[in-house]
Amino acid sequence: MITIVNYEMGNLFSVENAFKYLGYETKITDNPNEIENSKIIILPGVGSFNKAMQIIKSKKIDIGIKEGVKKGSKILGICLGMQLLGESSHEDGFCQGLGLINKKVQKFNSKEVLNMKIPHVGFNSVFFNSNKKLYKGILENTDFYFVHSYRMNSDEINEQSKNIFSYFNYGSDFIASFEIDNIYGTQFHPEKSQTNGLILLKNFVEIGS
């Protein structure tokens, strides 16, 4: 059973349909107890970081997610969902995130994207090490679908960071995904990334099985 977290701001049915196409059973819920006791958690999202966290806290979804991860559940954050796994964002005012990874979320600025259009929308290449679990069977430099104005702050890219993060280039290099123990995130939308996105979702479900 794959649990898709409903905090009223996600592209829930696109994600659900992708997993159903792959043959997996899904459940959409905002119940913190159900989330806590799920083995596989998907945190999708589109919209404002601040508004999302207000809803998540009001429904105590944050407690369900943190307790589930503490018990060893796998979680995959998608787009805004990935950003919510980080420390904080200034989108619509400063707001603390779930704090599951040590990353802050900031808006693109014109200088770092070399005056290209913001938001970053469309297919873009993702660069990753061959040992990445999410990308098993996927060729490096494969395109995935992005749509976002905010991004996680990037560390200096080195061999150590490449073991955790994958990157995309949009004027500068930015974090496209991460794999940290049982916590995973993609800035892009795998459910909108055609065949390779479906492969990535299947890879995530099968990690550790």
N, C-alpha and C. Protein backbone atom coordinates (compact mmCIF):
# COMPACT_ATOMS: atom_id res chain seq x y z
N MET A 1 0.84 -1.20 0.00
CA MET A 1 0.00 0.00 0.00
C MET A 1 0.88 1.25 0.00
N ILE A 2 0.64 2.13 -0.94
CA ILE A 2 1.36 3.39 -1.02
C ILE A 2 0.44 4.50 -0.51
N THR A 3 0.91 5.24 0.48
CA THR A 3 0.12 6.31 1.08
C THR A 3 0.50 7.65 0.46
N ILE A 4 -0.48 8.33 -0.13
CA ILE A 4 -0.27 9.65 -0.72
C ILE A 4 -0.88 10.68 0.23
N VAL A 5 -0.04 11.60 0.71
CA VAL A 5 -0.46 12.56 1.72
C VAL A 5 -1.29 13.67 1.08
N ASN A 6 -2.47 13.89 1.64
CA ASN A 6 -3.38 14.92 1.15
C ASN A 6 -3.38 16.11 2.10
N TYR A 7 -2.76 17.21 1.68
CA TYR A 7 -2.85 18.44 2.47
C TYR A 7 -3.47 19.55 1.62
N GLU A 8 -4.27 19.11 0.65
CA GLU A 8 -5.12 20.00 -0.15
C GLU A 8 -4.36 20.85 -1.16
N MET A 9 -3.08 20.51 -1.42
CA MET A 9 -2.29 21.32 -2.34
C MET A 9 -1.47 20.48 -3.31
N GLY A 10 -1.73 19.20 -3.37
CA GLY A 10 -0.92 18.34 -4.23
C GLY A 10 -1.65 17.94 -5.48
N ASN A 11 -0.88 17.55 -6.48
CA ASN A 11 -1.45 16.96 -7.69
C ASN A 11 -1.70 15.47 -7.42
N LEU A 12 -2.64 15.23 -6.51
CA LEU A 12 -2.84 13.90 -5.94
C LEU A 12 -3.20 12.86 -6.99
N PHE A 13 -4.09 13.22 -7.88
CA PHE A 13 -4.63 12.21 -8.78
C PHE A 13 -3.66 11.86 -9.90
N SER A 14 -2.81 12.81 -10.30
CA SER A 14 -1.76 12.48 -11.27
C SER A 14 -0.78 11.49 -10.66
N VAL A 15 -0.43 11.71 -9.39
CA VAL A 15 0.47 10.79 -8.70
C VAL A 15 -0.19 9.44 -8.50
N GLU A 16 -1.44 9.47 -8.06
CA GLU A 16 -2.17 8.22 -7.85
C GLU A 16 -2.28 7.43 -9.16
N ASN A 17 -2.61 8.09 -10.25
CA ASN A 17 -2.76 7.41 -11.53
C ASN A 17 -1.45 6.79 -12.00
N ALA A 18 -0.34 7.47 -11.72
CA ALA A 18 0.97 6.92 -12.11
C ALA A 18 1.24 5.61 -11.37
N PHE A 19 0.97 5.58 -10.08
CA PHE A 19 1.20 4.35 -9.32
C PHE A 19 0.21 3.25 -9.72
N LYS A 20 -1.02 3.63 -9.99
CA LYS A 20 -2.00 2.63 -10.43
C LYS A 20 -1.60 2.04 -11.77
N TYR A 21 -1.08 2.87 -12.66
CA TYR A 21 -0.60 2.39 -13.95
C TYR A 21 0.51 1.35 -13.76
N LEU A 22 1.32 1.55 -12.72
CA LEU A 22 2.41 0.62 -12.42
C LEU A 22 1.93 -0.62 -11.68
N GLY A 23 0.65 -0.64 -11.31
CA GLY A 23 0.07 -1.81 -10.67
C GLY A 23 0.09 -1.80 -9.15
N TYR A 24 0.33 -0.62 -8.54
CA TYR A 24 0.39 -0.53 -7.09
C TYR A 24 -0.93 -0.03 -6.51
N GLU A 25 -1.23 -0.49 -5.32
CA GLU A 25 -2.41 -0.02 -4.59
C GLU A 25 -2.05 1.25 -3.83
N THR A 26 -2.94 2.23 -3.89
CA THR A 26 -2.67 3.51 -3.24
C THR A 26 -3.79 3.91 -2.29
N LYS A 27 -3.45 4.80 -1.38
CA LYS A 27 -4.45 5.37 -0.48
C LYS A 27 -4.12 6.84 -0.28
N ILE A 28 -5.08 7.71 -0.53
CA ILE A 28 -4.92 9.15 -0.30
C ILE A 28 -5.51 9.47 1.07
N THR A 29 -4.73 10.12 1.93
CA THR A 29 -5.21 10.36 3.29
C THR A 29 -4.56 11.61 3.90
N ASP A 30 -5.28 12.22 4.85
CA ASP A 30 -4.70 13.28 5.67
C ASP A 30 -4.68 12.87 7.15
N ASN A 31 -4.91 11.58 7.39
CA ASN A 31 -4.95 11.06 8.76
C ASN A 31 -3.53 10.81 9.25
N PRO A 32 -3.08 11.53 10.30
CA PRO A 32 -1.69 11.38 10.76
C PRO A 32 -1.36 9.98 11.25
N ASN A 33 -2.33 9.28 11.82
CA ASN A 33 -2.07 7.92 12.29
C ASN A 33 -1.85 6.96 11.12
N GLU A 34 -2.63 7.12 10.07
CA GLU A 34 -2.45 6.29 8.88
C GLU A 34 -1.11 6.58 8.22
N ILE A 35 -0.75 7.85 8.18
CA ILE A 35 0.54 8.24 7.59
C ILE A 35 1.69 7.66 8.41
N GLU A 36 1.60 7.79 9.72
CA GLU A 36 2.67 7.29 10.60
C GLU A 36 2.90 5.79 10.42
N ASN A 37 1.84 5.04 10.19
CA ASN A 37 1.95 3.58 10.11
C ASN A 37 2.08 3.06 8.68
N SER A 38 2.30 3.97 7.73
CA SER A 38 2.51 3.57 6.35
C SER A 38 3.98 3.24 6.12
N LYS A 39 4.24 2.24 5.30
CA LYS A 39 5.61 1.87 4.97
C LYS A 39 6.17 2.71 3.84
N ILE A 40 5.28 3.20 2.96
CA ILE A 40 5.70 4.00 1.81
C ILE A 40 4.84 5.27 1.77
N ILE A 41 5.47 6.43 1.91
CA ILE A 41 4.76 7.70 1.98
C ILE A 41 5.17 8.57 0.79
N ILE A 42 4.19 9.12 0.11
CA ILE A 42 4.45 10.07 -0.96
C ILE A 42 3.91 11.43 -0.54
N LEU A 43 4.77 12.45 -0.59
CA LEU A 43 4.37 13.82 -0.25
C LEU A 43 4.46 14.67 -1.51
N PRO A 44 3.36 14.77 -2.27
CA PRO A 44 3.38 15.60 -3.48
C PRO A 44 3.18 17.06 -3.11
N GLY A 45 3.06 17.93 -4.12
CA GLY A 45 2.78 19.31 -3.75
C GLY A 45 2.97 20.29 -4.88
N VAL A 46 2.07 21.26 -4.92
CA VAL A 46 2.15 22.38 -5.85
C VAL A 46 1.62 23.61 -5.11
N GLY A 47 2.38 24.71 -5.11
CA GLY A 47 1.87 25.92 -4.48
C GLY A 47 2.80 26.50 -3.45
N SER A 48 2.24 27.17 -2.46
CA SER A 48 2.98 27.95 -1.47
C SER A 48 3.49 27.09 -0.33
N PHE A 49 4.78 27.20 -0.04
CA PHE A 49 5.41 26.50 1.09
C PHE A 49 4.73 26.88 2.40
N ASN A 50 4.55 28.17 2.62
CA ASN A 50 3.97 28.66 3.88
C ASN A 50 2.56 28.12 4.08
N LYS A 51 1.72 28.24 3.06
CA LYS A 51 0.35 27.76 3.18
C LYS A 51 0.32 26.26 3.40
N ALA A 52 1.20 25.55 2.70
CA ALA A 52 1.25 24.09 2.85
C ALA A 52 1.58 23.70 4.29
N MET A 53 2.59 24.36 4.88
CA MET A 53 2.97 24.01 6.24
C MET A 53 1.88 24.36 7.25
N GLN A 54 1.14 25.44 7.00
CA GLN A 54 0.03 25.77 7.90
C GLN A 54 -1.00 24.65 7.91
N ILE A 55 -1.34 24.14 6.74
CA ILE A 55 -2.32 23.05 6.66
C ILE A 55 -1.76 21.77 7.27
N ILE A 56 -0.52 21.46 6.95
CA ILE A 56 0.12 20.25 7.47
C ILE A 56 0.14 20.24 9.00
N LYS A 57 0.48 21.39 9.58
CA LYS A 57 0.52 21.46 11.05
C LYS A 57 -0.87 21.43 11.65
N SER A 58 -1.83 22.10 11.00
CA SER A 58 -3.19 22.13 11.55
C SER A 58 -3.82 20.74 11.58
N LYS A 59 -3.44 19.90 10.62
CA LYS A 59 -3.96 18.54 10.55
C LYS A 59 -3.07 17.53 11.27
N LYS A 60 -1.94 18.02 11.84
CA LYS A 60 -0.94 17.19 12.53
C LYS A 60 -0.32 16.15 11.59
N ILE A 61 -0.33 16.49 10.31
CA ILE A 61 0.31 15.61 9.33
C ILE A 61 1.82 15.58 9.56
N ASP A 62 2.39 16.70 10.03
CA ASP A 62 3.82 16.74 10.30
C ASP A 62 4.23 15.69 11.33
N ILE A 63 3.39 15.49 12.32
CA ILE A 63 3.68 14.49 13.35
C ILE A 63 3.65 13.09 12.73
N GLY A 64 2.63 12.84 11.92
CA GLY A 64 2.52 11.53 11.28
C GLY A 64 3.72 11.22 10.40
N ILE A 65 4.17 12.22 9.62
CA ILE A 65 5.31 12.03 8.74
C ILE A 65 6.58 11.77 9.54
N LYS A 66 6.84 12.61 10.53
CA LYS A 66 8.09 12.48 11.29
C LYS A 66 8.14 11.16 12.06
N GLU A 67 7.02 10.76 12.64
CA GLU A 67 7.00 9.50 13.38
C GLU A 67 7.15 8.31 12.43
N GLY A 68 6.53 8.39 11.26
CA GLY A 68 6.67 7.32 10.29
C GLY A 68 8.10 7.17 9.82
N VAL A 69 8.75 8.29 9.50
CA VAL A 69 10.14 8.26 9.06
C VAL A 69 11.04 7.73 10.17
N LYS A 70 10.75 8.13 11.41
CA LYS A 70 11.53 7.65 12.56
C LYS A 70 11.43 6.13 12.69
N LYS A 71 10.28 5.58 12.34
CA LYS A 71 10.07 4.13 12.41
C LYS A 71 10.68 3.39 11.23
N GLY A 72 11.16 4.15 10.23
CA GLY A 72 11.80 3.53 9.08
C GLY A 72 11.00 3.54 7.80
N SER A 73 9.87 4.22 7.78
CA SER A 73 9.10 4.32 6.55
C SER A 73 9.88 5.10 5.50
N LYS A 74 9.71 4.73 4.24
CA LYS A 74 10.30 5.49 3.14
C LYS A 74 9.37 6.65 2.80
N ILE A 75 9.96 7.80 2.49
CA ILE A 75 9.16 8.93 2.04
C ILE A 75 9.78 9.53 0.79
N LEU A 76 8.92 9.90 -0.15
CA LEU A 76 9.35 10.58 -1.36
C LEU A 76 8.60 11.90 -1.46
N GLY A 77 9.33 13.02 -1.39
CA GLY A 77 8.73 14.33 -1.60
C GLY A 77 8.88 14.73 -3.05
N ILE A 78 7.81 15.24 -3.64
CA ILE A 78 7.80 15.61 -5.05
C ILE A 78 7.54 17.11 -5.18
N CYS A 79 8.44 17.83 -5.85
CA CYS A 79 8.33 19.27 -6.10
C CYS A 79 8.19 20.04 -4.79
N LEU A 80 7.08 20.69 -4.53
CA LEU A 80 6.89 21.36 -3.24
C LEU A 80 7.06 20.37 -2.10
N GLY A 81 6.62 19.14 -2.29
CA GLY A 81 6.78 18.10 -1.27
C GLY A 81 8.23 17.88 -0.90
N MET A 82 9.13 17.91 -1.88
CA MET A 82 10.56 17.81 -1.60
C MET A 82 11.03 19.00 -0.78
N GLN A 83 10.59 20.21 -1.16
CA GLN A 83 11.01 21.41 -0.44
C GLN A 83 10.53 21.39 1.01
N LEU A 84 9.34 20.87 1.23
CA LEU A 84 8.79 20.82 2.59
C LEU A 84 9.60 19.92 3.51
N LEU A 85 10.36 19.00 2.95
CA LEU A 85 11.22 18.12 3.77
C LEU A 85 12.41 18.89 4.33
N GLY A 86 12.67 20.07 3.80
CA GLY A 86 13.81 20.87 4.24
C GLY A 86 13.54 21.69 5.48
N GLU A 87 14.48 22.59 5.77
CA GLU A 87 14.43 23.37 7.02
C GLU A 87 13.42 24.51 6.98
N SER A 88 13.46 25.30 5.90
CA SER A 88 12.65 26.52 5.91
C SER A 88 12.57 27.11 4.51
N SER A 89 11.66 28.09 4.36
CA SER A 89 11.51 28.83 3.11
C SER A 89 11.02 30.23 3.43
N HIS A 90 11.28 31.17 2.52
CA HIS A 90 10.77 32.53 2.66
C HIS A 90 9.59 32.76 1.72
N GLU A 91 9.05 31.70 1.12
CA GLU A 91 7.93 31.87 0.20
C GLU A 91 6.68 32.30 0.98
N ASP A 92 6.12 33.45 0.64
CA ASP A 92 4.97 34.03 1.35
C ASP A 92 5.29 34.27 2.82
N GLY A 93 6.52 34.66 3.10
CA GLY A 93 6.95 34.90 4.47
C GLY A 93 7.73 33.72 5.02
N PHE A 94 8.63 33.98 5.96
CA PHE A 94 9.47 32.91 6.51
C PHE A 94 8.63 31.83 7.17
N CYS A 95 9.01 30.58 6.93
CA CYS A 95 8.26 29.46 7.50
C CYS A 95 9.19 28.27 7.68
N GLN A 96 9.09 27.62 8.83
CA GLN A 96 9.85 26.40 9.08
C GLN A 96 9.23 25.24 8.30
N GLY A 97 10.08 24.35 7.79
CA GLY A 97 9.62 23.15 7.12
C GLY A 97 9.59 21.97 8.05
N LEU A 98 9.55 20.78 7.49
CA LEU A 98 9.52 19.56 8.30
C LEU A 98 10.88 19.26 8.92
N GLY A 99 11.94 19.80 8.35
CA GLY A 99 13.27 19.67 8.95
C GLY A 99 13.86 18.27 8.87
N LEU A 100 13.46 17.49 7.89
CA LEU A 100 14.00 16.13 7.77
C LEU A 100 15.35 16.11 7.08
N ILE A 101 15.66 17.18 6.32
CA ILE A 101 17.00 17.31 5.76
C ILE A 101 17.48 18.74 5.99
N ASN A 102 18.80 18.90 6.00
CA ASN A 102 19.41 20.18 6.36
C ASN A 102 19.58 21.07 5.13
N LYS A 103 18.45 21.52 4.59
CA LYS A 103 18.47 22.37 3.41
C LYS A 103 17.41 23.47 3.53
N LYS A 104 17.77 24.67 3.09
CA LYS A 104 16.82 25.77 3.05
C LYS A 104 16.34 25.97 1.62
N VAL A 105 15.15 26.53 1.49
CA VAL A 105 14.53 26.75 0.19
C VAL A 105 14.51 28.24 -0.12
N GLN A 106 15.01 28.61 -1.28
CA GLN A 106 15.10 30.01 -1.68
C GLN A 106 14.56 30.19 -3.09
N LYS A 107 14.15 31.42 -3.42
CA LYS A 107 13.66 31.70 -4.76
C LYS A 107 14.84 31.86 -5.72
N PHE A 108 14.66 31.38 -6.94
CA PHE A 108 15.64 31.67 -7.98
C PHE A 108 15.84 33.18 -8.06
N ASN A 109 17.07 33.62 -8.36
CA ASN A 109 17.27 35.03 -8.69
C ASN A 109 17.82 35.13 -10.10
N SER A 110 17.60 36.27 -10.71
CA SER A 110 17.93 36.45 -12.13
C SER A 110 19.41 36.23 -12.41
N LYS A 111 20.27 36.60 -11.46
CA LYS A 111 21.71 36.46 -11.67
C LYS A 111 22.12 35.01 -11.79
N GLU A 112 21.62 34.16 -10.88
CA GLU A 112 22.05 32.77 -10.88
C GLU A 112 21.48 31.98 -12.05
N VAL A 113 20.35 32.41 -12.60
CA VAL A 113 19.78 31.71 -13.76
C VAL A 113 20.13 32.42 -15.07
N LEU A 114 21.06 33.38 -14.97
CA LEU A 114 21.55 34.11 -16.15
C LEU A 114 20.40 34.75 -16.94
N ASN A 115 19.48 35.33 -16.15
CA ASN A 115 18.35 36.07 -16.71
C ASN A 115 17.38 35.21 -17.52
N MET A 116 17.45 33.91 -17.34
CA MET A 116 16.45 33.06 -17.98
C MET A 116 15.13 33.20 -17.23
N LYS A 117 14.07 32.70 -17.84
CA LYS A 117 12.73 32.90 -17.31
C LYS A 117 12.53 32.21 -15.96
N ILE A 118 11.88 32.89 -15.07
CA ILE A 118 11.42 32.32 -13.79
C ILE A 118 9.91 32.41 -13.78
N PRO A 119 9.20 31.30 -13.54
CA PRO A 119 9.67 30.00 -13.06
C PRO A 119 10.39 29.15 -14.12
N HIS A 120 11.11 28.17 -13.62
CA HIS A 120 11.75 27.16 -14.45
C HIS A 120 10.68 26.13 -14.81
N VAL A 121 10.31 26.08 -16.09
CA VAL A 121 9.22 25.21 -16.53
C VAL A 121 9.68 24.40 -17.74
N GLY A 122 9.41 23.10 -17.69
CA GLY A 122 9.66 22.24 -18.85
C GLY A 122 10.63 21.12 -18.53
N PHE A 123 10.95 20.35 -19.56
CA PHE A 123 11.88 19.23 -19.39
C PHE A 123 13.32 19.75 -19.35
N ASN A 124 14.10 19.15 -18.43
CA ASN A 124 15.50 19.52 -18.28
C ASN A 124 16.29 18.27 -17.87
N SER A 125 17.57 18.25 -18.26
CA SER A 125 18.41 17.09 -17.98
C SER A 125 18.79 17.02 -16.51
N VAL A 126 18.85 15.80 -15.98
CA VAL A 126 19.27 15.56 -14.60
C VAL A 126 20.58 14.76 -14.62
N PHE A 127 21.54 15.20 -13.83
CA PHE A 127 22.86 14.58 -13.77
C PHE A 127 23.00 13.86 -12.44
N PHE A 128 23.38 12.57 -12.48
CA PHE A 128 23.41 11.77 -11.27
C PHE A 128 24.47 10.68 -11.37
N ASN A 129 24.93 10.20 -10.21
CA ASN A 129 25.84 9.06 -10.17
C ASN A 129 25.08 7.78 -10.49
N SER A 130 25.78 6.83 -11.06
CA SER A 130 25.15 5.56 -11.47
C SER A 130 24.70 4.73 -10.28
N ASN A 131 25.20 5.07 -9.06
CA ASN A 131 24.81 4.29 -7.88
C ASN A 131 23.51 4.76 -7.25
N LYS A 132 22.87 5.76 -7.83
CA LYS A 132 21.62 6.28 -7.26
C LYS A 132 20.50 5.25 -7.40
N LYS A 133 19.82 4.99 -6.29
CA LYS A 133 18.75 3.99 -6.28
C LYS A 133 17.55 4.44 -7.11
N LEU A 134 17.23 5.73 -7.04
CA LEU A 134 16.06 6.22 -7.77
C LEU A 134 16.21 6.08 -9.28
N TYR A 135 17.47 6.11 -9.76
CA TYR A 135 17.70 6.18 -11.20
C TYR A 135 18.15 4.84 -11.81
N LYS A 136 17.91 3.78 -11.10
CA LYS A 136 18.28 2.45 -11.62
C LYS A 136 17.62 2.23 -12.99
N GLY A 137 18.43 1.88 -13.98
CA GLY A 137 17.90 1.62 -15.31
C GLY A 137 17.62 2.86 -16.13
N ILE A 138 17.99 4.03 -15.62
CA ILE A 138 17.77 5.30 -16.33
C ILE A 138 19.12 5.88 -16.74
N LEU A 139 19.24 6.33 -17.97
CA LEU A 139 20.48 6.90 -18.46
C LEU A 139 20.72 8.27 -17.85
N GLU A 140 21.99 8.55 -17.52
CA GLU A 140 22.33 9.88 -17.02
C GLU A 140 22.03 10.92 -18.09
N ASN A 141 21.73 12.14 -17.64
CA ASN A 141 21.36 13.26 -18.49
C ASN A 141 19.95 13.11 -19.07
N THR A 142 19.17 12.18 -18.51
CA THR A 142 17.78 12.03 -18.94
C THR A 142 16.96 13.25 -18.52
N ASP A 143 15.98 13.61 -19.33
CA ASP A 143 15.13 14.76 -19.03
C ASP A 143 13.96 14.37 -18.12
N PHE A 144 13.66 15.26 -17.18
CA PHE A 144 12.48 15.15 -16.32
C PHE A 144 11.76 16.50 -16.34
N TYR A 145 10.49 16.49 -15.95
CA TYR A 145 9.66 17.69 -16.07
C TYR A 145 9.68 18.52 -14.78
N PHE A 146 10.05 19.80 -14.91
CA PHE A 146 10.14 20.74 -13.79
C PHE A 146 9.11 21.86 -13.95
N VAL A 147 8.62 22.35 -12.82
CA VAL A 147 7.85 23.61 -12.81
C VAL A 147 7.95 24.19 -11.39
N HIS A 148 8.81 25.22 -11.24
CA HIS A 148 9.04 25.79 -9.90
C HIS A 148 9.77 27.12 -9.99
N SER A 149 9.52 27.96 -8.98
CA SER A 149 10.21 29.25 -8.85
C SER A 149 11.18 29.24 -7.67
N TYR A 150 11.04 28.26 -6.78
CA TYR A 150 11.89 28.13 -5.61
C TYR A 150 12.71 26.86 -5.72
N ARG A 151 13.87 26.84 -5.07
CA ARG A 151 14.76 25.68 -5.13
C ARG A 151 15.51 25.52 -3.81
N MET A 152 15.99 24.32 -3.54
CA MET A 152 16.83 24.10 -2.38
C MET A 152 18.21 24.68 -2.65
N ASN A 153 18.82 25.29 -1.60
CA ASN A 153 20.16 25.83 -1.77
C ASN A 153 21.15 24.70 -2.03
N SER A 154 22.05 24.93 -2.96
CA SER A 154 23.01 23.90 -3.38
C SER A 154 24.34 24.10 -2.67
N ASP A 155 24.91 22.99 -2.19
CA ASP A 155 26.28 23.02 -1.69
C ASP A 155 27.22 23.07 -2.89
N GLU A 156 28.48 23.33 -2.61
CA GLU A 156 29.48 23.18 -3.66
C GLU A 156 29.43 21.74 -4.17
N ILE A 157 29.40 21.58 -5.46
CA ILE A 157 29.27 20.25 -6.03
C ILE A 157 30.62 19.54 -5.98
N ASN A 158 30.67 18.44 -5.26
CA ASN A 158 31.88 17.63 -5.16
C ASN A 158 31.48 16.17 -5.14
N GLU A 159 32.46 15.28 -5.06
CA GLU A 159 32.17 13.84 -5.13
C GLU A 159 31.29 13.39 -3.98
N GLN A 160 31.48 13.97 -2.80
CA GLN A 160 30.67 13.58 -1.65
C GLN A 160 29.22 13.99 -1.84
N SER A 161 29.00 15.22 -2.31
CA SER A 161 27.63 15.67 -2.49
C SER A 161 26.94 14.89 -3.60
N LYS A 162 27.70 14.45 -4.62
CA LYS A 162 27.12 13.69 -5.71
C LYS A 162 26.61 12.33 -5.26
N ASN A 163 27.11 11.85 -4.12
CA ASN A 163 26.62 10.57 -3.58
C ASN A 163 25.23 10.72 -2.97
N ILE A 164 24.84 11.95 -2.67
CA ILE A 164 23.54 12.22 -2.05
C ILE A 164 22.58 12.90 -3.01
N PHE A 165 23.08 13.88 -3.75
CA PHE A 165 22.23 14.73 -4.58
C PHE A 165 22.44 14.47 -6.08
N SER A 166 21.39 14.70 -6.85
CA SER A 166 21.53 14.85 -8.29
C SER A 166 21.27 16.31 -8.62
N TYR A 167 21.65 16.72 -9.83
CA TYR A 167 21.61 18.13 -10.18
C TYR A 167 20.98 18.37 -11.55
N PHE A 168 20.45 19.58 -11.73
CA PHE A 168 20.08 20.06 -13.05
C PHE A 168 20.72 21.43 -13.23
N ASN A 169 20.87 21.85 -14.47
CA ASN A 169 21.45 23.16 -14.74
C ASN A 169 20.41 24.09 -15.34
N TYR A 170 20.29 25.26 -14.72
CA TYR A 170 19.41 26.31 -15.25
C TYR A 170 20.13 27.63 -15.00
N GLY A 171 21.15 27.87 -15.80
CA GLY A 171 22.04 28.99 -15.56
C GLY A 171 23.15 28.63 -14.59
N SER A 172 22.78 27.99 -13.48
CA SER A 172 23.70 27.42 -12.50
C SER A 172 23.20 26.01 -12.17
N ASP A 173 23.98 25.27 -11.38
CA ASP A 173 23.57 23.93 -10.98
C ASP A 173 22.73 23.99 -9.71
N PHE A 174 21.61 23.25 -9.71
CA PHE A 174 20.71 23.21 -8.57
C PHE A 174 20.34 21.75 -8.27
N ILE A 175 19.83 21.52 -7.07
CA ILE A 175 19.49 20.17 -6.64
C ILE A 175 18.22 19.70 -7.34
N ALA A 176 18.34 18.55 -8.01
CA ALA A 176 17.19 17.94 -8.68
C ALA A 176 16.55 16.85 -7.83
N SER A 177 17.38 16.16 -7.02
CA SER A 177 16.84 15.10 -6.16
C SER A 177 17.85 14.78 -5.07
N PHE A 178 17.40 14.02 -4.08
CA PHE A 178 18.33 13.55 -3.05
C PHE A 178 17.89 12.19 -2.53
N GLU A 179 18.86 11.48 -1.97
CA GLU A 179 18.63 10.18 -1.34
C GLU A 179 19.41 10.18 -0.04
N ILE A 180 18.72 10.28 1.09
CA ILE A 180 19.37 10.31 2.41
C ILE A 180 18.67 9.30 3.30
N ASP A 181 19.30 8.13 3.46
CA ASP A 181 18.72 7.03 4.24
C ASP A 181 17.34 6.68 3.65
N ASN A 182 16.27 6.84 4.44
CA ASN A 182 14.92 6.49 3.96
C ASN A 182 14.15 7.72 3.49
N ILE A 183 14.87 8.84 3.26
CA ILE A 183 14.24 10.09 2.86
C ILE A 183 14.69 10.45 1.44
N TYR A 184 13.71 10.61 0.55
CA TYR A 184 13.99 10.87 -0.86
C TYR A 184 13.18 12.08 -1.33
N GLY A 185 13.72 12.78 -2.30
CA GLY A 185 12.99 13.91 -2.85
C GLY A 185 13.35 14.15 -4.30
N THR A 186 12.38 14.63 -5.08
CA THR A 186 12.64 15.06 -6.46
C THR A 186 12.03 16.44 -6.65
N GLN A 187 12.83 17.39 -7.15
CA GLN A 187 12.29 18.70 -7.47
C GLN A 187 11.39 18.62 -8.69
N PHE A 188 11.71 17.72 -9.59
CA PHE A 188 10.90 17.51 -10.79
C PHE A 188 9.69 16.64 -10.47
N HIS A 189 8.78 16.54 -11.43
CA HIS A 189 7.58 15.72 -11.28
C HIS A 189 7.75 14.41 -12.04
N PRO A 190 8.06 13.31 -11.36
CA PRO A 190 8.19 12.04 -12.08
C PRO A 190 6.88 11.60 -12.72
N GLU A 191 5.76 11.94 -12.10
CA GLU A 191 4.45 11.53 -12.63
C GLU A 191 4.11 12.25 -13.92
N LYS A 192 4.87 13.31 -14.25
CA LYS A 192 4.66 14.05 -15.50
C LYS A 192 5.84 13.89 -16.45
N SER A 193 6.73 12.96 -16.13
CA SER A 193 7.98 12.81 -16.88
C SER A 193 8.01 11.57 -17.75
N GLN A 194 6.83 11.11 -18.13
CA GLN A 194 6.70 10.01 -19.09
C GLN A 194 7.38 8.74 -18.59
N THR A 195 7.96 7.94 -19.48
CA THR A 195 8.45 6.61 -19.13
C THR A 195 9.51 6.64 -18.03
N ASN A 196 10.47 7.55 -18.14
CA ASN A 196 11.53 7.60 -17.15
C ASN A 196 11.02 7.97 -15.76
N GLY A 197 10.00 8.81 -15.72
CA GLY A 197 9.40 9.13 -14.43
C GLY A 197 8.72 7.94 -13.80
N LEU A 198 8.06 7.12 -14.61
CA LEU A 198 7.43 5.91 -14.10
C LEU A 198 8.47 4.92 -13.59
N ILE A 199 9.59 4.82 -14.31
CA ILE A 199 10.67 3.94 -13.86
C ILE A 199 11.18 4.40 -12.49
N LEU A 200 11.33 5.72 -12.34
CA LEU A 200 11.82 6.25 -11.06
C LEU A 200 10.86 5.93 -9.93
N LEU A 201 9.56 6.09 -10.15
CA LEU A 201 8.57 5.79 -9.11
C LEU A 201 8.62 4.30 -8.74
N LYS A 202 8.75 3.46 -9.73
CA LYS A 202 8.86 2.01 -9.48
C LYS A 202 10.13 1.70 -8.69
N ASN A 203 11.22 2.35 -9.07
CA ASN A 203 12.47 2.16 -8.32
C ASN A 203 12.31 2.53 -6.86
N PHE A 204 11.63 3.65 -6.61
CA PHE A 204 11.44 4.08 -5.22
C PHE A 204 10.67 3.05 -4.42
N VAL A 205 9.59 2.56 -4.98
CA VAL A 205 8.77 1.56 -4.27
C VAL A 205 9.59 0.31 -3.96
N GLU A 206 10.47 -0.07 -4.86
CA GLU A 206 11.19 -1.33 -4.73
C GLU A 206 12.47 -1.22 -3.89
N ILE A 207 12.85 0.00 -3.49
CA ILE A 207 14.05 0.15 -2.65
C ILE A 207 13.84 -0.61 -1.33
N GLY A 208 14.77 -1.48 -1.04
CA GLY A 208 14.73 -2.24 0.20
C GLY A 208 13.85 -3.47 0.18
N SER A 209 13.18 -3.71 -0.95
CA SER A 209 12.27 -4.88 -1.00
C SER A 209 12.96 -6.08 -1.63
